[in-house]
PDB file of N, CA and C in Angstrom:
ATOM      1  N   UNK A   1     -91.555   2.055   0.156  1.00  0.00           N
ATOM      2  CA  UNK A   1     -91.313   1.463  -1.245  1.00  0.00           C
ATOM      3  C   UNK A   1     -90.740   2.432  -1.835  1.00  0.00           C
ATOM      4  N   UNK A   2     -90.639   3.617  -1.983  1.00  0.00           N
ATOM      5  CA  UNK A   2     -89.831   4.601  -2.600  1.00  0.00           C
ATOM      6  C   UNK A   2     -88.478   4.231  -2.360  1.00  0.00           C
ATOM      7  N   UNK A   3     -87.972   4.142  -0.984  1.00  0.00           N
ATOM      8  CA  UNK A   3     -86.807   4.238  -0.524  1.00  0.00           C
ATOM      9  C   UNK A   3     -86.183   2.777  -0.944  1.00  0.00           C
ATOM     10  N   UNK A   4     -87.015   1.570  -1.112  1.00  0.00           N
ATOM     11  CA  UNK A   4     -86.358   0.373  -1.452  1.00  0.00           C
ATOM     12  C   UNK A   4     -85.906   0.608  -3.013  1.00  0.00           C
ATOM     13  N   UNK A   5     -87.016   1.197  -3.903  1.00  0.00           N
ATOM     14  CA  UNK A   5     -86.612   1.505  -5.125  1.00  0.00           C
ATOM     15  C   UNK A   5     -85.117   2.575  -5.170  1.00  0.00           C
ATOM     16  N   UNK A   6     -85.068   3.456  -4.544  1.00  0.00           N
ATOM     17  CA  UNK A   6     -83.833   4.205  -4.601  1.00  0.00           C
ATOM     18  C   UNK A   6     -82.701   3.244  -4.467  1.00  0.00           C
ATOM     19  N   UNK A   7     -82.499   2.349  -3.339  1.00  0.00           N
ATOM     20  CA  UNK A   7     -81.461   1.852  -2.960  1.00  0.00           C
ATOM     21  C   UNK A   7     -81.314   0.426  -4.154  1.00  0.00           C
ATOM     22  N   UNK A   8     -82.498   0.237  -4.740  1.00  0.00           N
ATOM     23  CA  UNK A   8     -82.297  -1.027  -5.646  1.00  0.00           C
ATOM     24  C   UNK A   8     -81.620  -0.414  -6.779  1.00  0.00           C
ATOM     25  N   UNK A   9     -82.052   0.939  -7.314  1.00  0.00           N
ATOM     26  CA  UNK A   9     -81.509   1.409  -8.793  1.00  0.00           C
ATOM     27  C   UNK A   9     -79.920   1.861  -8.412  1.00  0.00           C
ATOM     28  N   UNK A  10     -79.845   2.171  -7.215  1.00  0.00           N
ATOM     29  CA  UNK A  10     -78.283   2.644  -6.582  1.00  0.00           C
ATOM     30  C   UNK A  10     -77.526   1.568  -6.677  1.00  0.00           C
ATOM     31  N   UNK A  11     -77.838   0.236  -6.215  1.00  0.00           N
ATOM     32  CA  UNK A  11     -77.427  -0.864  -6.271  1.00  0.00           C
ATOM     33  C   UNK A  11     -77.008  -1.308  -7.766  1.00  0.00           C
ATOM     34  N   UNK A  12     -78.031  -1.231  -8.596  1.00  0.00           N
ATOM     35  CA  UNK A  12     -77.657  -1.739  -9.855  1.00  0.00           C
ATOM     36  C   UNK A  12     -76.703  -0.750 -10.563  1.00  0.00           C
ATOM     37  N   UNK A  13     -77.100   0.272 -10.371  1.00  0.00           N
ATOM     38  CA  UNK A  13     -76.078   1.620 -11.173  1.00  0.00           C
ATOM     39  C   UNK A  13     -74.698   1.497 -10.411  1.00  0.00           C
ATOM     40  N   UNK A  14     -74.473   1.056  -9.456  1.00  0.00           N
ATOM     41  CA  UNK A  14     -73.018   0.932  -8.664  1.00  0.00           C
ATOM     42  C   UNK A  14     -72.477  -0.116  -9.408  1.00  0.00           C
ATOM     43  N   UNK A  15     -73.190  -1.425  -9.533  1.00  0.00           N
ATOM     44  CA  UNK A  15     -73.116  -2.902 -10.116  1.00  0.00           C
ATOM     45  C   UNK A  15     -72.530  -2.309 -11.489  1.00  0.00           C
ATOM     46  N   UNK A  16     -73.288  -1.609 -12.386  1.00  0.00           N
ATOM     47  CA  UNK A  16     -72.714  -1.162 -13.873  1.00  0.00           C
ATOM     48  C   UNK A  16     -71.828  -0.471 -13.794  1.00  0.00           C
ATOM     49  N   UNK A  17     -71.571   0.374 -12.673  1.00  0.00           N
ATOM     50  CA  UNK A  17     -70.223   1.215 -12.839  1.00  0.00           C
ATOM     51  C   UNK A  17     -68.892   0.291 -13.022  1.00  0.00           C
ATOM     52  N   UNK A  18     -69.025  -0.707 -11.971  1.00  0.00           N
ATOM     53  CA  UNK A  18     -67.991  -1.762 -11.904  1.00  0.00           C
ATOM     54  C   UNK A  18     -67.738  -2.993 -12.722  1.00  0.00           C
ATOM     55  N   UNK A  19     -68.393  -2.725 -14.161  1.00  0.00           N
ATOM     56  CA  UNK A  19     -68.314  -3.782 -14.904  1.00  0.00           C
ATOM     57  C   UNK A  19     -66.574  -3.711 -15.273  1.00  0.00           C
ATOM     58  N   UNK A  20     -66.369  -5.146 -15.661  1.00  0.00           N
ATOM     59  CA  UNK A  20     -64.731  -5.296 -15.839  1.00  0.00           C
ATOM     60  C   UNK A  20     -65.036  -5.030 -17.524  1.00  0.00           C
ATOM     61  N   UNK A  21     -64.685  -3.837 -17.831  1.00  0.00           N
ATOM     62  CA  UNK A  21     -64.757  -3.584 -19.243  1.00  0.00           C
ATOM     63  C   UNK A  21     -63.417  -3.635 -19.669  1.00  0.00           C
ATOM     64  N   UNK A  22     -62.920  -4.425 -20.599  1.00  0.00           N
ATOM     65  CA  UNK A  22     -61.726  -4.396 -21.273  1.00  0.00           C
ATOM     66  C   UNK A  22     -61.497  -4.052 -22.963  1.00  0.00           C
ATOM     67  N   UNK A  23     -60.690  -2.934 -22.919  1.00  0.00           N
ATOM     68  CA  UNK A  23     -60.417  -2.660 -24.466  1.00  0.00           C
ATOM     69  C   UNK A  23     -59.888  -3.738 -25.483  1.00  0.00           C
ATOM     70  N   UNK A  24     -59.257  -4.628 -24.674  1.00  0.00           N
ATOM     71  CA  UNK A  24     -58.560  -5.823 -25.585  1.00  0.00           C
ATOM     72  C   UNK A  24     -60.045  -6.845 -25.756  1.00  0.00           C
ATOM     73  N   UNK A  25     -60.883  -6.701 -25.263  1.00  0.00           N
ATOM     74  CA  UNK A  25     -62.231  -7.578 -25.677  1.00  0.00           C
ATOM     75  C   UNK A  25     -63.478  -6.888 -25.778  1.00  0.00           C
ATOM     76  N   UNK A  26     -63.394  -5.766 -26.794  1.00  0.00           N
ATOM     77  CA  UNK A  26     -64.521  -4.942 -26.963  1.00  0.00           C
ATOM     78  C   UNK A  26     -65.771  -5.458 -27.094  1.00  0.00           C
ATOM     79  N   UNK A  27     -65.863  -6.654 -27.625  1.00  0.00           N
ATOM     80  CA  UNK A  27     -67.575  -7.416 -27.916  1.00  0.00           C
ATOM     81  C   UNK A  27     -67.883  -7.718 -26.848  1.00  0.00           C
ATOM     82  N   UNK A  28     -67.119  -8.307 -25.996  1.00  0.00           N
ATOM     83  CA  UNK A  28     -67.400  -8.647 -24.668  1.00  0.00           C
ATOM     84  C   UNK A  28     -67.684  -7.615 -23.654  1.00  0.00           C
ATOM     85  N   UNK A  29     -67.103  -6.677 -23.598  1.00  0.00           N
ATOM     86  CA  UNK A  29     -67.166  -5.416 -22.925  1.00  0.00           C
ATOM     87  C   UNK A  29     -68.655  -4.854 -23.239  1.00  0.00           C
ATOM     88  N   UNK A  30     -69.008  -5.036 -24.711  1.00  0.00           N
ATOM     89  CA  UNK A  30     -70.232  -4.510 -25.309  1.00  0.00           C
ATOM     90  C   UNK A  30     -71.317  -5.127 -24.747  1.00  0.00           C
ATOM     91  N   UNK A  31     -70.833  -6.603 -24.991  1.00  0.00           N
ATOM     92  CA  UNK A  31     -72.091  -7.706 -24.526  1.00  0.00           C
ATOM     93  C   UNK A  31     -72.416  -7.378 -22.952  1.00  0.00           C
ATOM     94  N   UNK A  32     -71.443  -7.264 -22.114  1.00  0.00           N
ATOM     95  CA  UNK A  32     -71.538  -7.320 -20.685  1.00  0.00           C
ATOM     96  C   UNK A  32     -72.586  -5.773 -20.262  1.00  0.00           C
ATOM     97  N   UNK A  33     -72.010  -4.600 -21.100  1.00  0.00           N
ATOM     98  CA  UNK A  33     -73.148  -3.541 -20.655  1.00  0.00           C
ATOM     99  C   UNK A  33     -74.305  -3.874 -21.104  1.00  0.00           C
ATOM    100  N   UNK A  34     -74.463  -4.393 -22.342  1.00  0.00           N
ATOM    101  CA  UNK A  34     -75.943  -4.389 -22.699  1.00  0.00           C
ATOM    102  C   UNK A  34     -76.507  -5.528 -21.764  1.00  0.00           C
ATOM    103  N   UNK A  35     -75.922  -6.694 -21.466  1.00  0.00           N
ATOM    104  CA  UNK A  35     -76.415  -7.523 -20.351  1.00  0.00           C
ATOM    105  C   UNK A  35     -76.788  -6.502 -19.090  1.00  0.00           C
ATOM    106  N   UNK A  36     -75.964  -5.696 -18.592  1.00  0.00           N
ATOM    107  CA  UNK A  36     -76.442  -4.987 -17.278  1.00  0.00           C
ATOM    108  C   UNK A  36     -77.361  -3.999 -17.703  1.00  0.00           C
ATOM    109  N   UNK A  37     -77.877  -3.670 -18.726  1.00  0.00           N
ATOM    110  CA  UNK A  37     -78.795  -2.621 -19.130  1.00  0.00           C
ATOM    111  C   UNK A  37     -80.316  -3.500 -19.041  1.00  0.00           C
ATOM    112  N   UNK A  38     -80.304  -4.599 -19.909  1.00  0.00           N
ATOM    113  CA  UNK A  38     -81.321  -5.424 -19.859  1.00  0.00           C
ATOM    114  C   UNK A  38     -82.023  -6.033 -18.447  1.00  0.00           C
ATOM    115  N   UNK A  39     -80.748  -6.127 -17.710  1.00  0.00           N
ATOM    116  CA  UNK A  39     -80.856  -6.821 -16.406  1.00  0.00           C
ATOM    117  C   UNK A  39     -81.544  -5.683 -15.341  1.00  0.00           C
ATOM    118  N   UNK A  40     -81.222  -4.537 -15.346  1.00  0.00           N
ATOM    119  CA  UNK A  40     -81.737  -3.192 -15.012  1.00  0.00           C
ATOM    120  C   UNK A  40     -83.160  -3.133 -15.055  1.00  0.00           C
ATOM    121  N   UNK A  41     -83.205  -3.009 -16.394  1.00  0.00           N
ATOM    122  CA  UNK A  41     -84.798  -2.817 -16.883  1.00  0.00           C
ATOM    123  C   UNK A  41     -85.682  -3.781 -16.485  1.00  0.00           C
ATOM    124  N   UNK A  42     -85.117  -5.243 -16.538  1.00  0.00           N
ATOM    125  CA  UNK A  42     -85.872  -6.132 -15.727  1.00  0.00           C
ATOM    126  C   UNK A  42     -86.560  -5.658 -14.440  1.00  0.00           C
ATOM    127  N   UNK A  43     -85.228  -5.517 -13.674  1.00  0.00           N
ATOM    128  CA  UNK A  43     -85.702  -5.163 -12.421  1.00  0.00           C
ATOM    129  C   UNK A  43     -86.325  -4.121 -11.769  1.00  0.00           C
ATOM    130  N   UNK A  44     -86.180  -3.135 -12.678  1.00  0.00           N
ATOM    131  CA  UNK A  44     -87.302  -1.727 -12.651  1.00  0.00           C
ATOM    132  C   UNK A  44     -88.540  -2.459 -13.177  1.00  0.00           C
ATOM    133  N   UNK A  45     -88.730  -3.097 -14.102  1.00  0.00           N
ATOM    134  CA  UNK A  45     -90.005  -3.681 -14.422  1.00  0.00           C
ATOM    135  C   UNK A  45     -90.909  -4.359 -13.349  1.00  0.00           C
ATOM    136  N   UNK A  46     -90.293  -5.218 -12.514  1.00  0.00           N
ATOM    137  CA  UNK A  46     -90.583  -5.737 -11.460  1.00  0.00           C
ATOM    138  C   UNK A  46     -91.411  -5.083 -10.356  1.00  0.00           C
ATOM    139  N   UNK A  47     -90.486  -4.017 -10.344  1.00  0.00           N
ATOM    140  CA  UNK A  47     -91.054  -3.075  -9.101  1.00  0.00           C
ATOM    141  C   UNK A  47     -91.905  -2.035  -9.833  1.00  0.00           C
ATOM    142  N   UNK A  48     -92.086  -1.832 -10.847  1.00  0.00           N
ATOM    143  CA  UNK A  48     -93.028  -0.786 -11.444  1.00  0.00           C
ATOM    144  C   UNK A  48     -94.639  -1.738 -11.509  1.00  0.00           C
ATOM    145  N   UNK A  49     -94.392  -3.106 -12.122  1.00  0.00           N
ATOM    146  CA  UNK A  49     -95.489  -3.871 -12.103  1.00  0.00           C
ATOM    147  C   UNK A  49     -96.058  -3.902 -10.620  1.00  0.00           C
ATOM    148  N   UNK A  50     -95.319  -4.198  -9.919  1.00  0.00           N
ATOM    149  CA  UNK A  50     -96.070  -4.272  -8.472  1.00  0.00           C
ATOM    150  C   UNK A  50     -96.538  -2.810  -7.868  1.00  0.00           C
ATOM    151  N   UNK A  51     -95.970  -1.729  -8.193  1.00  0.00           N
ATOM    152  CA  UNK A  51     -96.400  -0.466  -7.976  1.00  0.00           C
ATOM    153  C   UNK A  51     -97.747  -0.373  -8.663  1.00  0.00           C
ATOM    154  N   UNK A  52     -97.626  -0.555  -9.692  1.00  0.00           N
ATOM    155  CA  UNK A  52     -99.200  -0.531 -10.524  1.00  0.00           C
ATOM    156  C   UNK A  52    -100.262  -1.159 -10.018  1.00  0.00           C
ATOM    157  N   UNK A  53     -99.998  -2.737  -9.592  1.00  0.00           N
ATOM    158  CA  UNK A  53    -100.859  -3.404  -8.992  1.00  0.00           C
ATOM    159  C   UNK A  53    -101.438  -2.888  -7.704  1.00  0.00           C
ATOM    160  N   UNK A  54    -100.394  -2.210  -6.909  1.00  0.00           N
ATOM    161  CA  UNK A  54    -100.854  -1.657  -5.696  1.00  0.00           C
ATOM    162  C   UNK A  54    -101.923  -0.234  -5.852  1.00  0.00           C
ATOM    163  N   UNK A  55    -101.543   0.434  -6.936  1.00  0.00           N
ATOM    164  CA  UNK A  55    -101.974   1.473  -7.223  1.00  0.00           C
ATOM    165  C   UNK A  55    -103.205   1.468  -7.734  1.00  0.00           C
ATOM    166  N   UNK A  56    -103.605   0.109  -8.457  1.00  0.00           N
ATOM    167  CA  UNK A  56    -104.869  -0.163  -9.118  1.00  0.00           C
ATOM    168  C   UNK A  56    -106.016  -0.769  -8.032  1.00  0.00           C
ATOM    169  N   UNK A  57    -105.200  -1.460  -6.725  1.00  0.00           N
ATOM    170  CA  UNK A  57    -106.162  -2.013  -5.995  1.00  0.00           C
ATOM    171  C   UNK A  57    -106.742  -0.716  -5.108  1.00  0.00           C
ATOM    172  N   UNK A  58    -106.136   0.306  -5.174  1.00  0.00           N
ATOM    173  CA  UNK A  58    -106.758   1.330  -4.579  1.00  0.00           C
ATOM    174  C   UNK A  58    -107.692   2.016  -4.880  1.00  0.00           C
ATOM    175  N   UNK A  59    -108.215   2.064  -6.126  1.00  0.00           N
ATOM    176  CA  UNK A  59    -108.996   2.383  -7.071  1.00  0.00           C
ATOM    177  C   UNK A  59    -110.586   1.841  -6.318  1.00  0.00           C
ATOM    178  N   UNK A  60    -111.416   2.938  -6.046  1.00  0.00           N
ATOM    179  CA  UNK A  60    -112.772   2.605  -5.494  1.00  0.00           C
ATOM    180  C   UNK A  60    -113.455   1.750  -6.352  1.00  0.00           C
ATOM    181  N   UNK A  61    -114.453   1.049  -5.533  1.00  0.00           N
ATOM    182  CA  UNK A  61    -115.200   0.051  -6.300  1.00  0.00           C
ATOM    183  C   UNK A  61    -116.630   1.078  -6.804  1.00  0.00           C
ATOM    184  N   UNK A  62    -117.037   0.508  -7.706  1.00  0.00           N
ATOM    185  CA  UNK A  62    -118.157   1.446  -8.107  1.00  0.00           C
ATOM    186  C   UNK A  62    -117.881   2.326  -9.347  1.00  0.00           C
ATOM    187  N   UNK A  63    -118.561   3.417  -9.328  1.00  0.00           N
ATOM    188  CA  UNK A  63    -118.653   4.095 -10.772  1.00  0.00           C
ATOM    189  C   UNK A  63    -117.270   4.625 -11.219  1.00  0.00           C
ATOM    190  N   UNK A  64    -116.531   5.092 -10.202  1.00  0.00           N
ATOM    191  CA  UNK A  64    -115.433   5.943 -10.768  1.00  0.00           C
ATOM    192  C   UNK A  64    -114.422   4.670 -10.834  1.00  0.00           C
ATOM    193  N   UNK A  65    -114.374   3.717 -10.854  1.00  0.00           N
ATOM    194  CA  UNK A  65    -113.399   2.454 -10.826  1.00  0.00           C
ATOM    195  C   UNK A  65    -112.806   2.493 -12.011  1.00  0.00           C
ATOM    196  N   UNK A  66    -113.448   2.358 -13.185  1.00  0.00           N
ATOM    197  CA  UNK A  66    -112.896   2.237 -14.532  1.00  0.00           C
ATOM    198  C   UNK A  66    -112.195   3.786 -14.911  1.00  0.00           C
ATOM    199  N   UNK A  67    -112.559   4.645 -14.535  1.00  0.00           N
ATOM    200  CA  UNK A  67    -111.782   6.013 -14.794  1.00  0.00           C
ATOM    201  C   UNK A  67    -110.512   6.160 -13.802  1.00  0.00           C
ATOM    202  N   UNK A  68    -110.701   5.794 -12.816  1.00  0.00           N
ATOM    203  CA  UNK A  68    -109.389   5.565 -11.786  1.00  0.00           C
ATOM    204  C   UNK A  68    -108.158   4.353 -12.441  1.00  0.00           C
ATOM    205  N   UNK A  69    -108.750   3.464 -12.750  1.00  0.00           N
ATOM    206  CA  UNK A  69    -107.877   2.440 -13.238  1.00  0.00           C
ATOM    207  C   UNK A  69    -107.066   2.920 -14.741  1.00  0.00           C
ATOM    208  N   UNK A  70    -107.890   3.467 -15.248  1.00  0.00           N
ATOM    209  CA  UNK A  70    -107.362   3.955 -16.688  1.00  0.00           C
ATOM    210  C   UNK A  70    -106.420   5.040 -16.326  1.00  0.00           C
ATOM    211  N   UNK A  71    -106.738   5.904 -15.447  1.00  0.00           N
ATOM    212  CA  UNK A  71    -105.748   7.229 -14.913  1.00  0.00           C
ATOM    213  C   UNK A  71    -104.345   6.538 -14.332  1.00  0.00           C
ATOM    214  N   UNK A  72    -104.556   5.865 -13.398  1.00  0.00           N
ATOM    215  CA  UNK A  72    -103.118   4.911 -12.936  1.00  0.00           C
ATOM    216  C   UNK A  72    -102.413   4.353 -13.909  1.00  0.00           C
ATOM    217  N   UNK A  73    -102.986   3.631 -14.909  1.00  0.00           N
ATOM    218  CA  UNK A  73    -102.384   3.060 -15.939  1.00  0.00           C
ATOM    219  C   UNK A  73    -101.561   3.888 -16.845  1.00  0.00           C
ATOM    220  N   UNK A  74    -102.528   4.907 -17.209  1.00  0.00           N
ATOM    221  CA  UNK A  74    -101.624   6.150 -17.857  1.00  0.00           C
ATOM    222  C   UNK A  74    -100.488   6.703 -17.344  1.00  0.00           C
ATOM    223  N   UNK A  75    -100.509   6.873 -15.940  1.00  0.00           N
ATOM    224  CA  UNK A  75     -99.602   7.688 -15.244  1.00  0.00           C
ATOM    225  C   UNK A  75     -98.285   6.486 -14.738  1.00  0.00           C
ATOM    226  N   UNK A  76     -98.784   5.416 -14.913  1.00  0.00           N
ATOM    227  CA  UNK A  76     -97.826   4.193 -14.632  1.00  0.00           C
ATOM    228  C   UNK A  76     -97.127   4.241 -16.089  1.00  0.00           C
ATOM    229  N   UNK A  77     -97.808   4.245 -17.115  1.00  0.00           N
ATOM    230  CA  UNK A  77     -97.012   3.972 -18.385  1.00  0.00           C
ATOM    231  C   UNK A  77     -96.002   5.279 -18.823  1.00  0.00           C
ATOM    232  N   UNK A  78     -96.381   6.397 -18.078  1.00  0.00           N
ATOM    233  CA  UNK A  78     -95.469   7.961 -18.364  1.00  0.00           C
ATOM    234  C   UNK A  78     -94.217   7.359 -17.493  1.00  0.00           C
ATOM    235  N   UNK A  79     -94.625   7.187 -16.124  1.00  0.00           N
ATOM    236  CA  UNK A  79     -93.297   6.847 -15.619  1.00  0.00           C
ATOM    237  C   UNK A  79     -92.527   5.466 -16.214  1.00  0.00           C
ATOM    238  N   UNK A  80     -93.174   4.559 -16.707  1.00  0.00           N
ATOM    239  CA  UNK A  80     -92.309   3.455 -17.124  1.00  0.00           C
ATOM    240  C   UNK A  80     -91.410   3.907 -18.281  1.00  0.00           C
ATOM    241  N   UNK A  81     -92.091   4.794 -19.070  1.00  0.00           N
ATOM    242  CA  UNK A  81     -91.274   5.019 -20.135  1.00  0.00           C
ATOM    243  C   UNK A  81     -89.995   6.098 -19.900  1.00  0.00           C
ATOM    244  N   UNK A  82     -90.361   6.972 -18.702  1.00  0.00           N
ATOM    245  CA  UNK A  82     -89.186   7.841 -18.151  1.00  0.00           C
ATOM    246  C   UNK A  82     -88.229   7.036 -17.556  1.00  0.00           C
ATOM    247  N   UNK A  83     -88.546   5.882 -17.069  1.00  0.00           N
ATOM    248  CA  UNK A  83     -87.570   5.202 -16.219  1.00  0.00           C
ATOM    249  C   UNK A  83     -86.505   4.266 -17.336  1.00  0.00           C
ATOM    250  N   UNK A  84     -87.067   4.066 -18.142  1.00  0.00           N
ATOM    251  CA  UNK A  84     -86.736   3.189 -19.432  1.00  0.00           C
ATOM    252  C   UNK A  84     -85.747   4.202 -20.145  1.00  0.00           C
ATOM    253  N   UNK A  85     -86.307   5.191 -20.452  1.00  0.00           N
ATOM    254  CA  UNK A  85     -85.423   6.221 -21.010  1.00  0.00           C
ATOM    255  C   UNK A  85     -84.139   6.553 -20.596  1.00  0.00           C
ATOM    256  N   UNK A  86     -84.309   6.804 -18.969  1.00  0.00           N
ATOM    257  CA  UNK A  86     -83.224   6.908 -18.313  1.00  0.00           C
ATOM    258  C   UNK A  86     -81.886   5.693 -18.304  1.00  0.00           C
ATOM    259  N   UNK A  87     -82.709   4.897 -17.935  1.00  0.00           N
ATOM    260  CA  UNK A  87     -81.785   3.522 -17.921  1.00  0.00           C
ATOM    261  C   UNK A  87     -80.774   3.323 -19.381  1.00  0.00           C
ATOM    262  N   UNK A  88     -81.673   3.564 -20.492  1.00  0.00           N
ATOM    263  CA  UNK A  88     -81.444   3.356 -21.758  1.00  0.00           C
ATOM    264  C   UNK A  88     -79.983   4.663 -22.210  1.00  0.00           C
ATOM    265  N   UNK A  89     -80.365   5.903 -21.603  1.00  0.00           N
ATOM    266  CA  UNK A  89     -79.341   6.691 -21.572  1.00  0.00           C
ATOM    267  C   UNK A  89     -78.147   6.695 -20.829  1.00  0.00           C
ATOM    268  N   UNK A  90     -78.291   6.094 -19.583  1.00  0.00           N
ATOM    269  CA  UNK A  90     -77.194   5.841 -18.926  1.00  0.00           C
ATOM    270  C   UNK A  90     -76.444   4.633 -19.451  1.00  0.00           C
ATOM    271  N   UNK A  91     -76.722   3.509 -20.074  1.00  0.00           N
ATOM    272  CA  UNK A  91     -75.936   2.564 -20.647  1.00  0.00           C
ATOM    273  C   UNK A  91     -75.423   2.886 -21.956  1.00  0.00           C
ATOM    274  N   UNK A  92     -75.851   4.018 -22.760  1.00  0.00           N
ATOM    275  CA  UNK A  92     -75.616   4.282 -23.886  1.00  0.00           C
ATOM    276  C   UNK A  92     -74.446   5.461 -23.573  1.00  0.00           C
ATOM    277  N   UNK A  93     -74.454   5.990 -22.608  1.00  0.00           N
ATOM    278  CA  UNK A  93     -73.116   7.058 -22.174  1.00  0.00           C
ATOM    279  C   UNK A  93     -72.209   5.989 -21.676  1.00  0.00           C
ATOM    280  N   UNK A  94     -72.505   4.891 -21.027  1.00  0.00           N
ATOM    281  CA  UNK A  94     -71.526   3.664 -20.477  1.00  0.00           C
ATOM    282  C   UNK A  94     -70.944   3.181 -21.722  1.00  0.00           C
ATOM    283  N   UNK A  95     -71.726   2.721 -23.128  1.00  0.00           N
ATOM    284  CA  UNK A  95     -71.042   2.322 -24.051  1.00  0.00           C
ATOM    285  C   UNK A  95     -70.143   3.578 -24.806  1.00  0.00           C
ATOM    286  N   UNK A  96     -70.563   4.484 -24.958  1.00  0.00           N
ATOM    287  CA  UNK A  96     -69.914   5.859 -25.560  1.00  0.00           C
ATOM    288  C   UNK A  96     -68.462   6.199 -24.804  1.00  0.00           C
ATOM    289  N   UNK A  97     -68.639   6.248 -23.465  1.00  0.00           N
ATOM    290  CA  UNK A  97     -67.439   6.134 -22.663  1.00  0.00           C
ATOM    291  C   UNK A  97     -66.332   5.320 -22.843  1.00  0.00           C
ATOM    292  N   UNK A  98     -66.763   3.910 -22.656  1.00  0.00           N
ATOM    293  CA  UNK A  98     -65.991   2.700 -22.920  1.00  0.00           C
ATOM    294  C   UNK A  98     -65.296   2.858 -24.553  1.00  0.00           C
ATOM    295  N   UNK A  99     -65.918   3.254 -25.528  1.00  0.00           N
ATOM    296  CA  UNK A  99     -65.629   3.472 -26.533  1.00  0.00           C
ATOM    297  C   UNK A  99     -64.507   4.551 -27.003  1.00  0.00           C
ATOM    298  N   UNK A 100     -64.791   5.704 -26.220  1.00  0.00           N
ATOM    299  CA  UNK A 100     -63.736   6.710 -26.244  1.00  0.00           C
ATOM    300  C   UNK A 100     -62.324   6.200 -25.306  1.00  0.00           C
ATOM    301  N   UNK A 101     -62.716   5.466 -24.211  1.00  0.00           N
ATOM    302  CA  UNK A 101     -61.579   5.194 -23.415  1.00  0.00           C
ATOM    303  C   UNK A 101     -60.596   4.313 -24.299  1.00  0.00           C
ATOM    304  N   UNK A 102     -61.363   3.567 -24.873  1.00  0.00           N
ATOM    305  CA  UNK A 102     -60.286   2.564 -25.924  1.00  0.00           C
ATOM    306  C   UNK A 102     -59.768   3.212 -26.998  1.00  0.00           C
ATOM    307  N   UNK A 103     -60.251   4.133 -27.615  1.00  0.00           N
ATOM    308  CA  UNK A 103     -59.824   5.199 -28.686  1.00  0.00           C
ATOM    309  C   UNK A 103     -58.567   5.747 -27.759  1.00  0.00           C
ATOM    310  N   UNK A 104     -58.684   6.364 -26.996  1.00  0.00           N
ATOM    311  CA  UNK A 104     -57.772   7.089 -26.023  1.00  0.00           C
ATOM    312  C   UNK A 104     -56.404   6.148 -25.805  1.00  0.00           C
ATOM    313  N   UNK A 105     -56.846   4.827 -25.310  1.00  0.00           N
ATOM    314  CA  UNK A 105     -55.711   3.869 -24.805  1.00  0.00           C
ATOM    315  C   UNK A 105     -54.998   3.776 -25.955  1.00  0.00           C
ATOM    316  N   UNK A 106     -55.971   3.146 -27.293  1.00  0.00           N
ATOM    317  CA  UNK A 106     -54.965   3.104 -28.548  1.00  0.00           C
ATOM    318  C   UNK A 106     -54.201   4.190 -29.277  1.00  0.00           C
ATOM    319  N   UNK A 107     -54.589   5.206 -29.098  1.00  0.00           N
ATOM    320  CA  UNK A 107     -54.041   6.442 -29.485  1.00  0.00           C
ATOM    321  C   UNK A 107     -52.640   6.492 -28.641  1.00  0.00           C
ATOM    322  N   UNK A 108     -52.710   6.402 -27.406  1.00  0.00           N
ATOM    323  CA  UNK A 108     -51.632   6.374 -26.560  1.00  0.00           C
ATOM    324  C   UNK A 108     -50.330   5.316 -26.686  1.00  0.00           C
ATOM    325  N   UNK A 109     -51.048   4.214 -27.196  1.00  0.00           N
ATOM    326  CA  UNK A 109     -49.994   3.138 -27.573  1.00  0.00           C
ATOM    327  C   UNK A 109     -49.506   3.178 -28.928  1.00  0.00           C
ATOM    328  N   UNK A 110     -50.347   3.932 -29.794  1.00  0.00           N
ATOM    329  CA  UNK A 110     -49.726   4.354 -31.157  1.00  0.00           C
ATOM    330  C   UNK A 110     -48.207   5.291 -30.963  1.00  0.00           C
ATOM    331  N   UNK A 111     -48.853   6.195 -30.050  1.00  0.00           N
ATOM    332  CA  UNK A 111     -47.705   7.412 -29.838  1.00  0.00           C
ATOM    333  C   UNK A 111     -46.394   6.692 -29.129  1.00  0.00           C
ATOM    334  N   UNK A 112     -46.673   5.848 -27.984  1.00  0.00           N
ATOM    335  CA  UNK A 112     -45.653   5.360 -27.563  1.00  0.00           C
ATOM    336  C   UNK A 112     -44.685   4.532 -28.392  1.00  0.00           C
ATOM    337  N   UNK A 113     -45.254   3.754 -29.377  1.00  0.00           N
ATOM    338  CA  UNK A 113     -44.657   2.872 -30.441  1.00  0.00           C
ATOM    339  C   UNK A 113     -43.761   3.840 -31.375  1.00  0.00           C
ATOM    340  N   UNK A 114     -44.289   5.090 -31.552  1.00  0.00           N
ATOM    341  CA  UNK A 114     -43.279   6.227 -32.642  1.00  0.00           C
ATOM    342  C   UNK A 114     -41.843   6.765 -31.752  1.00  0.00           C
ATOM    343  N   UNK A 115     -41.906   6.477 -30.185  1.00  0.00           N
ATOM    344  CA  UNK A 115     -41.167   7.315 -29.895  1.00  0.00           C
ATOM    345  C   UNK A 115     -41.083   8.647 -29.498  1.00  0.00           C
ATOM    346  N   UNK A 116     -41.955   9.217 -29.893  1.00  0.00           N
ATOM    347  CA  UNK A 116     -42.362  10.864 -29.485  1.00  0.00           C
ATOM    348  C   UNK A 116     -43.292  10.818 -28.374  1.00  0.00           C
ATOM    349  N   UNK A 117     -42.773  11.906 -27.603  1.00  0.00           N
ATOM    350  CA  UNK A 117     -43.215  12.049 -26.389  1.00  0.00           C
ATOM    351  C   UNK A 117     -43.538  13.672 -26.388  1.00  0.00           C
ATOM    352  N   UNK A 118     -44.172  14.363 -25.599  1.00  0.00           N
ATOM    353  CA  UNK A 118     -44.389  15.433 -25.121  1.00  0.00           C
ATOM    354  C   UNK A 118     -43.281  16.191 -24.323  1.00  0.00           C
TER     355      UNK A 118
END
């Protein structure tokens, strides 16, 4: 299961890196990044839900069941928050990198129009 999760996350991250981001259409690019972010969160949520269900099923019957289930839920919530934070940070960086790339390309165009070169 762990290996499957790694490949899924790498696949999603790889797809995100290959987004067609065009500085001429910044609203479209930002929407595409946001769509990719939400899509990755949904995929990870599905995996997380399955893993939690399997963990809860392993809790013993009887007296310790409630405490076990509570602890499994607590650990899963912590892991979920960590994963979502990682995804959000990665896509926030992608948004920032895109904005910087567009600012830099705009600056280069402005310099080339003036006729000044280094």
